Structures are given as C-alpha cells and as structure tokens.
Amino acid sequence: MLFVTIVEIPSKTSTEATRRLKRPKIPQGVKIKQNLALFGKPDVIIVFEAENEEMAAEFVVQFRDLTHSATLLAIPIEQVKWTR
C-alpha cells in the first residue's frame, strides 16, 4: 500500500522535528520512496509503502509530538476507475 504524509513543522519544534524527519525510525514492513522538503507549506512530504494501515500508523506516530501532519492512502491514478 502506498501512503503520503504531509507535514508542517511549527517553528518552536523545528530543530528536533527536522532531525527526526531526516532520520526517521523505519519499522520493518515500511519503505520510504521519497522524503521531500518543500518551499512553502506544507514543509515536507513523505511518500512511503507499508504492508497495511497499522504499519503506516506505526511509522507516522513518531512525528505527532513535533509536527502537524496528515497521512493519506495513495492509489496510482491508472487504478482509479474514473480515469480509465
């Protein structure tokens, strides 16, 4: 399963949040595809694969105390029926 996490970093936690985002703990069953810093808001987007929602949650929970984030399930556009 493919997931996208959108991250905004509050200025009061920027040093520690940036450190954690650069070197996240990656549970077994999770693979980071892209970890991108952005110019503007949001600050970071993480694209990753996880075997299931529980593993995705295990991965992203490490950012909750330092950032504002949302994680979304992503589906390749070719697999969406309304795009065929």
Protein backbone atom coordinates (compact mmCIF):
# COMPACT_ATOMS: atom_id res chain seq x y z
CA MET A 1 0.00 0.00 0.00
CA LEU A 2 1.22 3.49 -0.83
CA PHE A 3 0.84 6.39 1.61
CA VAL A 4 1.61 10.11 1.57
CA THR A 5 2.27 12.04 4.77
CA ILE A 6 2.00 15.82 4.60
CA VAL A 7 3.98 17.57 7.34
CA GLU A 8 4.01 21.12 8.67
CA ILE A 9 6.75 21.95 11.18
CA PRO A 10 5.97 24.52 13.89
CA SER A 11 8.84 26.95 14.47
CA LYS A 12 9.07 26.01 18.17
CA THR A 13 9.98 22.37 17.30
CA SER A 14 11.82 22.94 14.02
CA THR A 15 15.27 21.73 15.12
CA GLU A 16 14.13 18.43 16.64
CA ALA A 17 11.41 17.86 14.02
CA THR A 18 13.89 18.35 11.18
CA ARG A 19 16.33 15.94 12.82
CA ARG A 20 13.62 13.30 13.21
CA LEU A 21 12.33 13.78 9.65
CA LYS A 22 15.85 13.39 8.24
CA ARG A 23 16.49 10.19 10.20
CA PRO A 24 13.14 8.56 10.95
CA LYS A 25 12.81 5.19 12.62
CA ILE A 26 11.61 2.87 9.87
CA PRO A 27 9.68 -0.18 11.11
CA GLN A 28 10.02 -3.48 9.30
CA GLY A 29 7.45 -3.57 6.52
CA VAL A 30 7.78 0.16 5.73
CA LYS A 31 9.82 1.53 2.83
CA ILE A 32 10.32 5.26 2.21
CA LYS A 33 10.02 6.06 -1.50
CA GLN A 34 10.56 9.84 -1.24
CA ASN A 35 11.22 12.22 1.65
CA LEU A 36 10.92 15.72 0.20
CA ALA A 37 11.40 19.18 1.69
CA LEU A 38 9.18 21.78 0.02
CA PHE A 39 9.44 25.53 -0.47
CA GLY A 40 6.29 26.70 1.28
CA LYS A 41 3.56 24.87 3.14
CA PRO A 42 3.47 22.01 3.77
CA ASP A 43 7.15 21.77 4.74
CA VAL A 44 7.70 18.08 3.99
CA ILE A 45 6.02 15.28 2.07
CA ILE A 46 6.91 11.65 2.76
CA VAL A 47 5.85 9.04 0.22
CA PHE A 48 6.15 5.54 1.62
CA GLU A 49 4.96 1.98 1.25
CA ALA A 50 3.59 -0.07 4.12
CA GLU A 51 2.10 -3.54 4.16
CA ASN A 52 -1.05 -2.26 5.89
CA GLU A 53 -2.59 0.69 7.73
CA GLU A 54 -1.28 -0.47 11.09
CA MET A 55 2.32 -0.38 9.87
CA ALA A 56 1.75 3.04 8.32
CA ALA A 57 0.42 4.30 11.65
CA GLU A 58 3.39 2.80 13.50
CA PHE A 59 5.72 4.77 11.20
CA VAL A 60 3.99 8.18 11.28
CA VAL A 61 3.21 8.24 15.01
CA GLN A 62 6.83 9.25 15.68
CA PHE A 63 6.16 12.69 14.17
CA ARG A 64 2.98 13.55 16.09
CA ASP A 65 4.54 15.35 19.05
CA LEU A 66 6.74 17.64 16.91
CA THR A 67 4.69 18.36 13.79
CA HIS A 68 1.24 18.83 12.33
CA SER A 69 0.74 16.01 9.86
CA ALA A 70 -1.83 14.06 7.90
CA THR A 71 -1.38 10.69 6.23
CA LEU A 72 -3.36 9.67 3.17
CA LEU A 73 -3.69 6.41 1.28
CA ALA A 74 -2.46 6.92 -2.29
CA ILE A 75 -3.57 4.94 -5.34
CA PRO A 76 -1.86 5.09 -8.74
CA ILE A 77 -4.15 7.09 -11.00
CA GLU A 78 -4.21 4.27 -13.54
CA GLN A 79 -6.02 2.12 -10.98
CA VAL A 80 -8.82 4.62 -10.36
CA LYS A 81 -11.92 3.65 -12.37
CA TRP A 82 -12.95 7.19 -13.29
CA THR A 83 -9.62 7.74 -15.10
CA ARG A 84 -9.91 4.80 -17.48
